[in-house]
């Protein structure tokens, strides 16, 4: 095996113009199917983590009233945040699967065209 030749070919392929518009279209469709789920997952996860952190701060009496009621409120708010984080992944999977179903036919047809040549 000539490793220099393999390296040269891989480098040339990297710089070669990508004229396969079907592959580019396939990648775009794949991203289009998955993007809403990713946006939701990140946003909902961050909001859930912030709510949980706020609740922990309340329960440890770092912020808010320095009383037992403040601590109980903090535990409740923190639990809501943890529940939000716990349900984030199943909701994300559902949104992603719906997006995949929506674009499945187009993606399969385009992939079949590409694989057949």
PDB file of N, CA and C in Angstrom:
ATOM      1  N   UNK A   1       0.832  -1.187   0.000  1.00  0.00           N
ATOM      2  CA  UNK A   1       0.000   0.000   0.000  1.00  0.00           C
ATOM      3  C   UNK A   1       0.873   1.245   0.000  1.00  0.00           C
ATOM      4  N   UNK A   2       0.558   2.118  -0.891  1.00  0.00           N
ATOM      5  CA  UNK A   2       1.289   3.368  -0.988  1.00  0.00           C
ATOM      6  C   UNK A   2       0.504   4.433  -0.228  1.00  0.00           C
ATOM      7  N   UNK A   3       0.952   4.733   0.975  1.00  0.00           N
ATOM      8  CA  UNK A   3       0.211   5.680   1.815  1.00  0.00           C
ATOM      9  C   UNK A   3       0.257   7.097   1.262  1.00  0.00           C
ATOM     10  N   UNK A   4       1.347   7.431   0.563  1.00  0.00           N
ATOM     11  CA  UNK A   4       1.433   8.773  -0.025  1.00  0.00           C
ATOM     12  C   UNK A   4       0.369   8.952  -1.107  1.00  0.00           C
ATOM     13  N   UNK A   5       0.152   7.916  -1.885  1.00  0.00           N
ATOM     14  CA  UNK A   5      -0.849   7.980  -2.955  1.00  0.00           C
ATOM     15  C   UNK A   5      -2.252   8.112  -2.364  1.00  0.00           C
ATOM     16  N   UNK A   6      -2.543   7.329  -1.307  1.00  0.00           N
ATOM     17  CA  UNK A   6      -3.854   7.385  -0.653  1.00  0.00           C
ATOM     18  C   UNK A   6      -4.085   8.775  -0.064  1.00  0.00           C
ATOM     19  N   UNK A   7      -3.057   9.314   0.584  1.00  0.00           N
ATOM     20  CA  UNK A   7      -3.172  10.647   1.168  1.00  0.00           C
ATOM     21  C   UNK A   7      -3.411  11.695   0.085  1.00  0.00           C
ATOM     22  N   UNK A   8      -2.691  11.584  -1.026  1.00  0.00           N
ATOM     23  CA  UNK A   8      -2.846  12.547  -2.115  1.00  0.00           C
ATOM     24  C   UNK A   8      -4.245  12.481  -2.709  1.00  0.00           C
ATOM     25  N   UNK A   9      -4.770  11.265  -2.880  1.00  0.00           N
ATOM     26  CA  UNK A   9      -6.124  11.116  -3.428  1.00  0.00           C
ATOM     27  C   UNK A   9      -7.180  11.669  -2.483  1.00  0.00           C
ATOM     28  N   UNK A  10      -7.024  11.428  -1.192  1.00  0.00           N
ATOM     29  CA  UNK A  10      -8.013  11.941  -0.240  1.00  0.00           C
ATOM     30  C   UNK A  10      -7.964  13.457  -0.167  1.00  0.00           C
ATOM     31  N   UNK A  11      -6.779  14.017  -0.266  1.00  0.00           N
ATOM     32  CA  UNK A  11      -6.644  15.472  -0.261  1.00  0.00           C
ATOM     33  C   UNK A  11      -7.218  16.073  -1.541  1.00  0.00           C
ATOM     34  N   UNK A  12      -6.993  15.419  -2.668  1.00  0.00           N
ATOM     35  CA  UNK A  12      -7.550  15.904  -3.935  1.00  0.00           C
ATOM     36  C   UNK A  12      -9.072  15.841  -3.917  1.00  0.00           C
ATOM     37  N   UNK A  13      -9.644  14.768  -3.334  1.00  0.00           N
ATOM     38  CA  UNK A  13     -11.098  14.661  -3.229  1.00  0.00           C
ATOM     39  C   UNK A  13     -11.686  15.758  -2.356  1.00  0.00           C
ATOM     40  N   UNK A  14     -10.924  16.160  -1.355  1.00  0.00           N
ATOM     41  CA  UNK A  14     -11.393  17.218  -0.463  1.00  0.00           C
ATOM     42  C   UNK A  14     -11.508  18.562  -1.185  1.00  0.00           C
ATOM     43  N   UNK A  15     -10.589  18.811  -2.107  1.00  0.00           N
ATOM     44  CA  UNK A  15     -10.570  20.084  -2.820  1.00  0.00           C
ATOM     45  C   UNK A  15     -11.283  20.039  -4.168  1.00  0.00           C
ATOM     46  N   UNK A  16     -11.710  18.878  -4.589  1.00  0.00           N
ATOM     47  CA  UNK A  16     -12.406  18.752  -5.877  1.00  0.00           C
ATOM     48  C   UNK A  16     -13.776  19.408  -5.782  1.00  0.00           C
ATOM     49  N   UNK A  17     -14.248  20.011  -6.867  1.00  0.00           N
ATOM     50  CA  UNK A  17     -15.572  20.641  -6.827  1.00  0.00           C
ATOM     51  C   UNK A  17     -16.664  19.597  -6.635  1.00  0.00           C
ATOM     52  N   UNK A  18     -17.605  19.930  -5.806  1.00  0.00           N
ATOM     53  CA  UNK A  18     -18.708  19.024  -5.521  1.00  0.00           C
ATOM     54  C   UNK A  18     -19.835  19.316  -6.503  1.00  0.00           C
ATOM     55  N   UNK A  19     -19.927  18.525  -7.556  1.00  0.00           N
ATOM     56  CA  UNK A  19     -20.936  18.768  -8.576  1.00  0.00           C
ATOM     57  C   UNK A  19     -22.128  17.832  -8.441  1.00  0.00           C
ATOM     58  N   UNK A  20     -22.160  17.031  -7.395  1.00  0.00           N
ATOM     59  CA  UNK A  20     -23.288  16.138  -7.190  1.00  0.00           C
ATOM     60  C   UNK A  20     -24.367  16.887  -6.409  1.00  0.00           C
ATOM     61  N   UNK A  21     -25.239  17.552  -7.140  1.00  0.00           N
ATOM     62  CA  UNK A  21     -26.267  18.353  -6.495  1.00  0.00           C
ATOM     63  C   UNK A  21     -27.293  17.484  -5.782  1.00  0.00           C
ATOM     64  N   UNK A  22     -27.432  16.239  -6.182  1.00  0.00           N
ATOM     65  CA  UNK A  22     -28.382  15.348  -5.515  1.00  0.00           C
ATOM     66  C   UNK A  22     -27.942  15.040  -4.084  1.00  0.00           C
ATOM     67  N   UNK A  23     -26.640  14.873  -3.894  1.00  0.00           N
ATOM     68  CA  UNK A  23     -26.132  14.611  -2.550  1.00  0.00           C
ATOM     69  C   UNK A  23     -26.342  15.841  -1.672  1.00  0.00           C
ATOM     70  N   UNK A  24     -26.093  17.016  -2.223  1.00  0.00           N
ATOM     71  CA  UNK A  24     -26.305  18.256  -1.480  1.00  0.00           C
ATOM     72  C   UNK A  24     -27.781  18.400  -1.129  1.00  0.00           C
ATOM     73  N   UNK A  25     -28.664  18.092  -2.063  1.00  0.00           N
ATOM     74  CA  UNK A  25     -30.103  18.165  -1.811  1.00  0.00           C
ATOM     75  C   UNK A  25     -30.521  17.153  -0.745  1.00  0.00           C
ATOM     76  N   UNK A  26     -29.902  15.982  -0.762  1.00  0.00           N
ATOM     77  CA  UNK A  26     -30.208  14.967   0.246  1.00  0.00           C
ATOM     78  C   UNK A  26     -29.796  15.439   1.633  1.00  0.00           C
ATOM     79  N   UNK A  27     -28.625  16.037   1.738  1.00  0.00           N
ATOM     80  CA  UNK A  27     -28.175  16.567   3.032  1.00  0.00           C
ATOM     81  C   UNK A  27     -29.098  17.674   3.520  1.00  0.00           C
ATOM     82  N   UNK A  28     -29.524  18.552   2.611  1.00  0.00           N
ATOM     83  CA  UNK A  28     -30.424  19.640   2.994  1.00  0.00           C
ATOM     84  C   UNK A  28     -31.758  19.103   3.489  1.00  0.00           C
ATOM     85  N   UNK A  29     -32.291  18.081   2.806  1.00  0.00           N
ATOM     86  CA  UNK A  29     -33.545  17.488   3.249  1.00  0.00           C
ATOM     87  C   UNK A  29     -33.398  16.842   4.626  1.00  0.00           C
ATOM     88  N   UNK A  30     -32.270  16.178   4.852  1.00  0.00           N
ATOM     89  CA  UNK A  30     -32.022  15.549   6.149  1.00  0.00           C
ATOM     90  C   UNK A  30     -31.974  16.603   7.253  1.00  0.00           C
ATOM     91  N   UNK A  31     -31.253  17.692   7.000  1.00  0.00           N
ATOM     92  CA  UNK A  31     -31.187  18.777   7.990  1.00  0.00           C
ATOM     93  C   UNK A  31     -32.561  19.401   8.215  1.00  0.00           C
ATOM     94  N   UNK A  32     -33.312  19.561   7.126  1.00  0.00           N
ATOM     95  CA  UNK A  32     -34.639  20.160   7.214  1.00  0.00           C
ATOM     96  C   UNK A  32     -35.575  19.287   8.050  1.00  0.00           C
ATOM     97  N   UNK A  33     -35.412  17.985   7.982  1.00  0.00           N
ATOM     98  CA  UNK A  33     -36.246  17.070   8.749  1.00  0.00           C
ATOM     99  C   UNK A  33     -35.897  17.096  10.236  1.00  0.00           C
ATOM    100  N   UNK A  34     -34.626  17.299  10.562  1.00  0.00           N
ATOM    101  CA  UNK A  34     -34.170  17.198  11.953  1.00  0.00           C
ATOM    102  C   UNK A  34     -34.046  18.535  12.685  1.00  0.00           C
ATOM    103  N   UNK A  35     -33.975  19.646  11.968  1.00  0.00           N
ATOM    104  CA  UNK A  35     -33.727  20.952  12.591  1.00  0.00           C
ATOM    105  C   UNK A  35     -34.777  21.371  13.621  1.00  0.00           C
ATOM    106  N   UNK A  36     -36.094  21.250  13.343  1.00  0.00           N
ATOM    107  CA  UNK A  36     -37.069  21.684  14.356  1.00  0.00           C
ATOM    108  C   UNK A  36     -36.923  20.941  15.679  1.00  0.00           C
ATOM    109  N   UNK A  37     -36.618  19.653  15.615  1.00  0.00           N
ATOM    110  CA  UNK A  37     -36.444  18.879  16.837  1.00  0.00           C
ATOM    111  C   UNK A  37     -35.220  19.353  17.617  1.00  0.00           C
ATOM    112  N   UNK A  38     -34.147  19.648  16.920  1.00  0.00           N
ATOM    113  CA  UNK A  38     -32.937  20.110  17.590  1.00  0.00           C
ATOM    114  C   UNK A  38     -33.161  21.472  18.248  1.00  0.00           C
ATOM    115  N   UNK A  39     -33.816  22.366  17.540  1.00  0.00           N
ATOM    116  CA  UNK A  39     -34.094  23.690  18.109  1.00  0.00           C
ATOM    117  C   UNK A  39     -34.963  23.552  19.352  1.00  0.00           C
ATOM    118  N   UNK A  40     -36.018  22.747  19.262  1.00  0.00           N
ATOM    119  CA  UNK A  40     -36.875  22.544  20.425  1.00  0.00           C
ATOM    120  C   UNK A  40     -36.090  21.926  21.574  1.00  0.00           C
ATOM    121  N   UNK A  41     -35.324  20.886  21.301  1.00  0.00           N
ATOM    122  CA  UNK A  41     -34.596  20.180  22.354  1.00  0.00           C
ATOM    123  C   UNK A  41     -33.643  21.083  23.105  1.00  0.00           C
ATOM    124  N   UNK A  42     -32.854  21.868  22.380  1.00  0.00           N
ATOM    125  CA  UNK A  42     -31.924  22.778  23.043  1.00  0.00           C
ATOM    126  C   UNK A  42     -32.660  23.846  23.838  1.00  0.00           C
ATOM    127  N   UNK A  43     -33.676  24.447  23.239  1.00  0.00           N
ATOM    128  CA  UNK A  43     -34.395  25.532  23.906  1.00  0.00           C
ATOM    129  C   UNK A  43     -35.105  25.035  25.160  1.00  0.00           C
ATOM    130  N   UNK A  44     -35.860  23.955  25.027  1.00  0.00           N
ATOM    131  CA  UNK A  44     -36.614  23.435  26.168  1.00  0.00           C
ATOM    132  C   UNK A  44     -35.670  22.925  27.259  1.00  0.00           C
ATOM    133  N   UNK A  45     -34.561  22.313  26.875  1.00  0.00           N
ATOM    134  CA  UNK A  45     -33.591  21.833  27.858  1.00  0.00           C
ATOM    135  C   UNK A  45     -32.940  22.965  28.629  1.00  0.00           C
ATOM    136  N   UNK A  46     -32.592  24.041  27.932  1.00  0.00           N
ATOM    137  CA  UNK A  46     -31.985  25.191  28.611  1.00  0.00           C
ATOM    138  C   UNK A  46     -32.982  25.834  29.565  1.00  0.00           C
ATOM    139  N   UNK A  47     -34.231  25.985  29.107  1.00  0.00           N
ATOM    140  CA  UNK A  47     -35.251  26.584  29.974  1.00  0.00           C
ATOM    141  C   UNK A  47     -35.489  25.706  31.194  1.00  0.00           C
ATOM    142  N   UNK A  48     -35.569  24.399  31.004  1.00  0.00           N
ATOM    143  CA  UNK A  48     -35.749  23.488  32.135  1.00  0.00           C
ATOM    144  C   UNK A  48     -34.591  23.559  33.120  1.00  0.00           C
ATOM    145  N   UNK A  49     -33.370  23.646  32.617  1.00  0.00           N
ATOM    146  CA  UNK A  49     -32.199  23.740  33.499  1.00  0.00           C
ATOM    147  C   UNK A  49     -32.198  25.062  34.271  1.00  0.00           C
ATOM    148  N   UNK A  50     -32.592  26.139  33.603  1.00  0.00           N
ATOM    149  CA  UNK A  50     -32.663  27.428  34.297  1.00  0.00           C
ATOM    150  C   UNK A  50     -33.731  27.414  35.393  1.00  0.00           C
ATOM    151  N   UNK A  51     -34.873  26.822  35.106  1.00  0.00           N
ATOM    152  CA  UNK A  51     -35.931  26.725  36.121  1.00  0.00           C
ATOM    153  C   UNK A  51     -35.456  25.876  37.300  1.00  0.00           C
ATOM    154  N   UNK A  52     -34.799  24.757  37.028  1.00  0.00           N
ATOM    155  CA  UNK A  52     -34.282  23.902  38.100  1.00  0.00           C
ATOM    156  C   UNK A  52     -33.243  24.644  38.937  1.00  0.00           C
ATOM    157  N   UNK A  53     -32.369  25.378  38.270  1.00  0.00           N
ATOM    158  CA  UNK A  53     -31.357  26.146  39.002  1.00  0.00           C
ATOM    159  C   UNK A  53     -31.971  27.238  39.853  1.00  0.00           C
ATOM    160  N   UNK A  54     -32.983  27.902  39.320  1.00  0.00           N
ATOM    161  CA  UNK A  54     -33.681  28.928  40.091  1.00  0.00           C
ATOM    162  C   UNK A  54     -34.336  28.304  41.325  1.00  0.00           C
ATOM    163  N   UNK A  55     -34.954  27.151  41.138  1.00  0.00           N
ATOM    164  CA  UNK A  55     -35.573  26.468  42.268  1.00  0.00           C
ATOM    165  C   UNK A  55     -34.554  26.048  43.316  1.00  0.00           C
ATOM    166  N   UNK A  56     -33.376  25.583  42.882  1.00  0.00           N
ATOM    167  CA  UNK A  56     -32.341  25.196  43.837  1.00  0.00           C
ATOM    168  C   UNK A  56     -31.845  26.409  44.615  1.00  0.00           C
ATOM    169  N   UNK A  57     -31.712  27.540  43.921  1.00  0.00           N
ATOM    170  CA  UNK A  57     -31.284  28.757  44.614  1.00  0.00           C
ATOM    171  C   UNK A  57     -32.319  29.187  45.651  1.00  0.00           C
ATOM    172  N   UNK A  58     -33.598  29.068  45.305  1.00  0.00           N
ATOM    173  CA  UNK A  58     -34.650  29.396  46.262  1.00  0.00           C
ATOM    174  C   UNK A  58     -34.622  28.443  47.451  1.00  0.00           C
ATOM    175  N   UNK A  59     -34.482  27.146  47.180  1.00  0.00           N
ATOM    176  CA  UNK A  59     -34.527  26.167  48.268  1.00  0.00           C
ATOM    177  C   UNK A  59     -33.305  26.262  49.183  1.00  0.00           C
ATOM    178  N   UNK A  60     -32.171  26.679  48.664  1.00  0.00           N
ATOM    179  CA  UNK A  60     -30.987  26.852  49.501  1.00  0.00           C
ATOM    180  C   UNK A  60     -30.923  28.253  50.105  1.00  0.00           C
ATOM    181  N   UNK A  61     -31.951  29.040  49.814  1.00  0.00           N
ATOM    182  CA  UNK A  61     -32.115  30.383  50.348  1.00  0.00           C
ATOM    183  C   UNK A  61     -30.974  31.317  49.966  1.00  0.00           C
ATOM    184  N   UNK A  62     -30.461  31.122  48.766  1.00  0.00           N
ATOM    185  CA  UNK A  62     -29.457  32.030  48.226  1.00  0.00           C
ATOM    186  C   UNK A  62     -30.150  33.298  47.737  1.00  0.00           C
ATOM    187  N   UNK A  63     -31.320  33.112  47.132  1.00  0.00           N
ATOM    188  CA  UNK A  63     -32.145  34.239  46.706  1.00  0.00           C
ATOM    189  C   UNK A  63     -33.537  34.054  47.283  1.00  0.00           C
ATOM    190  N   UNK A  64     -34.322  35.091  47.299  1.00  0.00           N
ATOM    191  CA  UNK A  64     -35.704  35.000  47.751  1.00  0.00           C
ATOM    192  C   UNK A  64     -35.817  35.087  49.261  1.00  0.00           C
ATOM    193  N   UNK A  65     -37.011  34.787  49.758  1.00  0.00           N
ATOM    194  CA  UNK A  65     -37.253  34.914  51.203  1.00  0.00           C
ATOM    195  C   UNK A  65     -36.474  33.865  52.001  1.00  0.00           C
ATOM    196  N   UNK A  66     -35.979  34.280  53.134  1.00  0.00           N
ATOM    197  CA  UNK A  66     -35.204  33.390  54.005  1.00  0.00           C
ATOM    198  C   UNK A  66     -36.150  32.713  54.990  1.00  0.00           C
ATOM    199  N   UNK A  67     -37.058  31.901  54.474  1.00  0.00           N
ATOM    200  CA  UNK A  67     -38.039  31.252  55.337  1.00  0.00           C
ATOM    201  C   UNK A  67     -38.312  29.839  54.819  1.00  0.00           C
ATOM    202  N   UNK A  68     -39.098  29.125  55.613  1.00  0.00           N
ATOM    203  CA  UNK A  68     -39.457  27.766  55.224  1.00  0.00           C
ATOM    204  C   UNK A  68     -40.342  27.778  53.980  1.00  0.00           C
ATOM    205  N   UNK A  69     -41.192  28.787  53.854  1.00  0.00           N
ATOM    206  CA  UNK A  69     -42.056  28.889  52.672  1.00  0.00           C
ATOM    207  C   UNK A  69     -41.221  29.094  51.413  1.00  0.00           C
ATOM    208  N   UNK A  70     -40.155  29.875  51.503  1.00  0.00           N
ATOM    209  CA  UNK A  70     -39.264  30.073  50.366  1.00  0.00           C
ATOM    210  C   UNK A  70     -38.565  28.787  49.971  1.00  0.00           C
ATOM    211  N   UNK A  71     -38.217  27.998  50.992  1.00  0.00           N
ATOM    212  CA  UNK A  71     -37.555  26.734  50.715  1.00  0.00           C
ATOM    213  C   UNK A  71     -38.517  25.754  50.037  1.00  0.00           C
ATOM    214  N   UNK A  72     -39.733  25.690  50.512  1.00  0.00           N
ATOM    215  CA  UNK A  72     -40.727  24.801  49.910  1.00  0.00           C
ATOM    216  C   UNK A  72     -41.028  25.237  48.477  1.00  0.00           C
ATOM    217  N   UNK A  73     -41.160  26.541  48.263  1.00  0.00           N
ATOM    218  CA  UNK A  73     -41.394  27.055  46.912  1.00  0.00           C
ATOM    219  C   UNK A  73     -40.231  26.697  45.995  1.00  0.00           C
ATOM    220  N   UNK A  74     -39.017  26.783  46.531  1.00  0.00           N
ATOM    221  CA  UNK A  74     -37.842  26.431  45.745  1.00  0.00           C
ATOM    222  C   UNK A  74     -37.819  24.969  45.356  1.00  0.00           C
ATOM    223  N   UNK A  75     -38.233  24.113  46.269  1.00  0.00           N
ATOM    224  CA  UNK A  75     -38.272  22.676  45.970  1.00  0.00           C
ATOM    225  C   UNK A  75     -39.303  22.405  44.879  1.00  0.00           C
ATOM    226  N   UNK A  76     -40.455  23.061  44.964  1.00  0.00           N
ATOM    227  CA  UNK A  76     -41.494  22.861  43.951  1.00  0.00           C
ATOM    228  C   UNK A  76     -41.024  23.366  42.589  1.00  0.00           C
ATOM    229  N   UNK A  77     -40.439  24.570  42.560  1.00  0.00           N
ATOM    230  CA  UNK A  77     -39.958  25.127  41.291  1.00  0.00           C
ATOM    231  C   UNK A  77     -38.839  24.264  40.723  1.00  0.00           C
ATOM    232  N   UNK A  78     -37.923  23.801  41.573  1.00  0.00           N
ATOM    233  CA  UNK A  78     -36.848  22.931  41.118  1.00  0.00           C
ATOM    234  C   UNK A  78     -37.373  21.623  40.550  1.00  0.00           C
ATOM    235  N   UNK A  79     -38.397  21.056  41.200  1.00  0.00           N
ATOM    236  CA  UNK A  79     -38.978  19.808  40.715  1.00  0.00           C
ATOM    237  C   UNK A  79     -39.615  20.020  39.337  1.00  0.00           C
ATOM    238  N   UNK A  80     -40.267  21.166  39.134  1.00  0.00           N
ATOM    239  CA  UNK A  80     -40.842  21.471  37.818  1.00  0.00           C
ATOM    240  C   UNK A  80     -39.734  21.519  36.762  1.00  0.00           C
ATOM    241  N   UNK A  81     -38.606  22.135  37.096  1.00  0.00           N
ATOM    242  CA  UNK A  81     -37.475  22.195  36.172  1.00  0.00           C
ATOM    243  C   UNK A  81     -36.909  20.821  35.856  1.00  0.00           C
ATOM    244  N   UNK A  82     -36.807  19.962  36.872  1.00  0.00           N
ATOM    245  CA  UNK A  82     -36.291  18.613  36.646  1.00  0.00           C
ATOM    246  C   UNK A  82     -37.248  17.784  35.792  1.00  0.00           C
ATOM    247  N   UNK A  83     -38.551  17.963  36.004  1.00  0.00           N
ATOM    248  CA  UNK A  83     -39.534  17.257  35.176  1.00  0.00           C
ATOM    249  C   UNK A  83     -39.420  17.723  33.726  1.00  0.00           C
ATOM    250  N   UNK A  84     -39.247  19.029  33.541  1.00  0.00           N
ATOM    251  CA  UNK A  84     -39.093  19.560  32.179  1.00  0.00           C
ATOM    252  C   UNK A  84     -37.865  18.952  31.502  1.00  0.00           C
ATOM    253  N   UNK A  85     -36.774  18.828  32.234  1.00  0.00           N
ATOM    254  CA  UNK A  85     -35.579  18.212  31.648  1.00  0.00           C
ATOM    255  C   UNK A  85     -35.783  16.730  31.381  1.00  0.00           C
ATOM    256  N   UNK A  86     -36.565  16.071  32.226  1.00  0.00           N
ATOM    257  CA  UNK A  86     -36.786  14.630  32.059  1.00  0.00           C
ATOM    258  C   UNK A  86     -37.644  14.333  30.831  1.00  0.00           C
ATOM    259  N   UNK A  87     -38.617  15.171  30.535  1.00  0.00           N
ATOM    260  CA  UNK A  87     -39.497  14.907  29.395  1.00  0.00           C
ATOM    261  C   UNK A  87     -38.943  15.490  28.102  1.00  0.00           C
ATOM    262  N   UNK A  88     -37.838  16.208  28.175  1.00  0.00           N
ATOM    263  CA  UNK A  88     -37.279  16.859  26.991  1.00  0.00           C
ATOM    264  C   UNK A  88     -36.906  15.847  25.913  1.00  0.00           C
ATOM    265  N   UNK A  89     -36.197  14.790  26.266  1.00  0.00           N
ATOM    266  CA  UNK A  89     -35.741  13.836  25.252  1.00  0.00           C
ATOM    267  C   UNK A  89     -36.886  13.086  24.577  1.00  0.00           C
ATOM    268  N   UNK A  90     -37.873  12.570  25.322  1.00  0.00           N
ATOM    269  CA  UNK A  90     -38.989  11.911  24.624  1.00  0.00           C
ATOM    270  C   UNK A  90     -39.742  12.859  23.679  1.00  0.00           C
ATOM    271  N   UNK A  91     -39.924  14.107  24.072  1.00  0.00           N
ATOM    272  CA  UNK A  91     -40.585  15.060  23.186  1.00  0.00           C
ATOM    273  C   UNK A  91     -39.716  15.323  21.961  1.00  0.00           C
ATOM    274  N   UNK A  92     -38.409  15.470  22.176  1.00  0.00           N
ATOM    275  CA  UNK A  92     -37.468  15.668  21.067  1.00  0.00           C
ATOM    276  C   UNK A  92     -37.557  14.511  20.070  1.00  0.00           C
ATOM    277  N   UNK A  93     -37.568  13.273  20.585  1.00  0.00           N
ATOM    278  CA  UNK A  93     -37.649  12.105  19.705  1.00  0.00           C
ATOM    279  C   UNK A  93     -38.938  12.105  18.900  1.00  0.00           C
ATOM    280  N   UNK A  94     -40.040  12.490  19.538  1.00  0.00           N
ATOM    281  CA  UNK A  94     -41.317  12.539  18.833  1.00  0.00           C
ATOM    282  C   UNK A  94     -41.311  13.554  17.708  1.00  0.00           C
ATOM    283  N   UNK A  95     -40.762  14.744  17.974  1.00  0.00           N
ATOM    284  CA  UNK A  95     -40.688  15.782  16.941  1.00  0.00           C
ATOM    285  C   UNK A  95     -39.761  15.346  15.815  1.00  0.00           C
ATOM    286  N   UNK A  96     -38.626  14.731  16.173  1.00  0.00           N
ATOM    287  CA  UNK A  96     -37.679  14.263  15.159  1.00  0.00           C
ATOM    288  C   UNK A  96     -38.288  13.170  14.286  1.00  0.00           C
ATOM    289  N   UNK A  97     -39.003  12.248  14.909  1.00  0.00           N
ATOM    290  CA  UNK A  97     -39.627  11.168  14.147  1.00  0.00           C
ATOM    291  C   UNK A  97     -40.714  11.695  13.219  1.00  0.00           C
ATOM    292  N   UNK A  98     -41.482  12.698  13.663  1.00  0.00           N
ATOM    293  CA  UNK A  98     -42.489  13.301  12.786  1.00  0.00           C
ATOM    294  C   UNK A  98     -41.829  13.985  11.597  1.00  0.00           C
ATOM    295  N   UNK A  99     -40.708  14.667  11.841  1.00  0.00           N
ATOM    296  CA  UNK A  99     -39.977  15.302  10.743  1.00  0.00           C
ATOM    297  C   UNK A  99     -39.429  14.284   9.764  1.00  0.00           C
ATOM    298  N   UNK A 100     -38.926  13.166  10.291  1.00  0.00           N
ATOM    299  CA  UNK A 100     -38.419  12.108   9.414  1.00  0.00           C
ATOM    300  C   UNK A 100     -39.543  11.509   8.580  1.00  0.00           C
ATOM    301  N   UNK A 101     -40.714  11.301   9.194  1.00  0.00           N
ATOM    302  CA  UNK A 101     -41.855  10.763   8.449  1.00  0.00           C
ATOM    303  C   UNK A 101     -42.291  11.728   7.353  1.00  0.00           C
ATOM    304  N   UNK A 102     -42.261  13.008   7.662  1.00  0.00           N
ATOM    305  CA  UNK A 102     -42.717  14.013   6.707  1.00  0.00           C
ATOM    306  C   UNK A 102     -41.862  14.009   5.442  1.00  0.00           C
ATOM    307  N   UNK A 103     -40.555  13.853   5.602  1.00  0.00           N
ATOM    308  CA  UNK A 103     -39.642  13.920   4.465  1.00  0.00           C
ATOM    309  C   UNK A 103     -39.121  12.560   4.025  1.00  0.00           C
ATOM    310  N   UNK A 104     -39.638  11.479   4.586  1.00  0.00           N
ATOM    311  CA  UNK A 104     -39.113  10.138   4.297  1.00  0.00           C
ATOM    312  C   UNK A 104     -39.221   9.784   2.820  1.00  0.00           C
ATOM    313  N   UNK A 105     -40.359  10.049   2.210  1.00  0.00           N
ATOM    314  CA  UNK A 105     -40.542   9.669   0.814  1.00  0.00           C
ATOM    315  C   UNK A 105     -39.540  10.391  -0.078  1.00  0.00           C
ATOM    316  N   UNK A 106     -39.398  11.703   0.110  1.00  0.00           N
ATOM    317  CA  UNK A 106     -38.471  12.481  -0.719  1.00  0.00           C
ATOM    318  C   UNK A 106     -37.034  12.016  -0.513  1.00  0.00           C
ATOM    319  N   UNK A 107     -36.664  11.763   0.725  1.00  0.00           N
ATOM    320  CA  UNK A 107     -35.298  11.342   1.025  1.00  0.00           C
ATOM    321  C   UNK A 107     -35.028   9.961   0.428  1.00  0.00           C
ATOM    322  N   UNK A 108     -35.975   9.049   0.557  1.00  0.00           N
ATOM    323  CA  UNK A 108     -35.779   7.705   0.016  1.00  0.00           C
ATOM    324  C   UNK A 108     -35.682   7.725  -1.506  1.00  0.00           C
ATOM    325  N   UNK A 109     -36.509   8.517  -2.162  1.00  0.00           N
ATOM    326  CA  UNK A 109     -36.456   8.612  -3.623  1.00  0.00           C
ATOM    327  C   UNK A 109     -35.118   9.184  -4.082  1.00  0.00           C
ATOM    328  N   UNK A 110     -34.676  10.250  -3.421  1.00  0.00           N
ATOM    329  CA  UNK A 110     -33.411  10.875  -3.800  1.00  0.00           C
ATOM    330  C   UNK A 110     -32.240   9.939  -3.517  1.00  0.00           C
ATOM    331  N   UNK A 111     -32.279   9.227  -2.394  1.00  0.00           N
ATOM    332  CA  UNK A 111     -31.219   8.280  -2.078  1.00  0.00           C
ATOM    333  C   UNK A 111     -31.188   7.134  -3.085  1.00  0.00           C
ATOM    334  N   UNK A 112     -32.365   6.694  -3.523  1.00  0.00           N
ATOM    335  CA  UNK A 112     -32.434   5.628  -4.532  1.00  0.00           C
ATOM    336  C   UNK A 112     -31.828   6.108  -5.860  1.00  0.00           C
ATOM    337  N   UNK A 113     -32.134   7.355  -6.244  1.00  0.00           N
ATOM    338  CA  UNK A 113     -31.565   7.910  -7.485  1.00  0.00           C
ATOM    339  C   UNK A 113     -30.045   7.980  -7.400  1.00  0.00           C
ATOM    340  N   UNK A 114     -29.542   8.388  -6.251  1.00  0.00           N
ATOM    341  CA  UNK A 114     -28.087   8.524  -6.081  1.00  0.00           C
ATOM    342  C   UNK A 114     -27.415   7.146  -6.110  1.00  0.00           C
ATOM    343  N   UNK A 115     -28.009   6.172  -5.421  1.00  0.00           N
ATOM    344  CA  UNK A 115     -27.379   4.856  -5.352  1.00  0.00           C
ATOM    345  C   UNK A 115     -27.432   4.113  -6.681  1.00  0.00           C
ATOM    346  N   UNK A 116     -28.459   4.379  -7.486  1.00  0.00           N
ATOM    347  CA  UNK A 116     -28.543   3.711  -8.788  1.00  0.00           C
ATOM    348  C   UNK A 116     -27.621   4.336  -9.819  1.00  0.00           C
ATOM    349  N   UNK A 117     -27.187   5.546  -9.534  1.00  0.00           N
ATOM    350  CA  UNK A 117     -26.212   6.168 -10.431  1.00  0.00           C
ATOM    351  C   UNK A 117     -26.818   7.023 -11.377  1.00  0.00           C
TER     352      UNK A 117
END
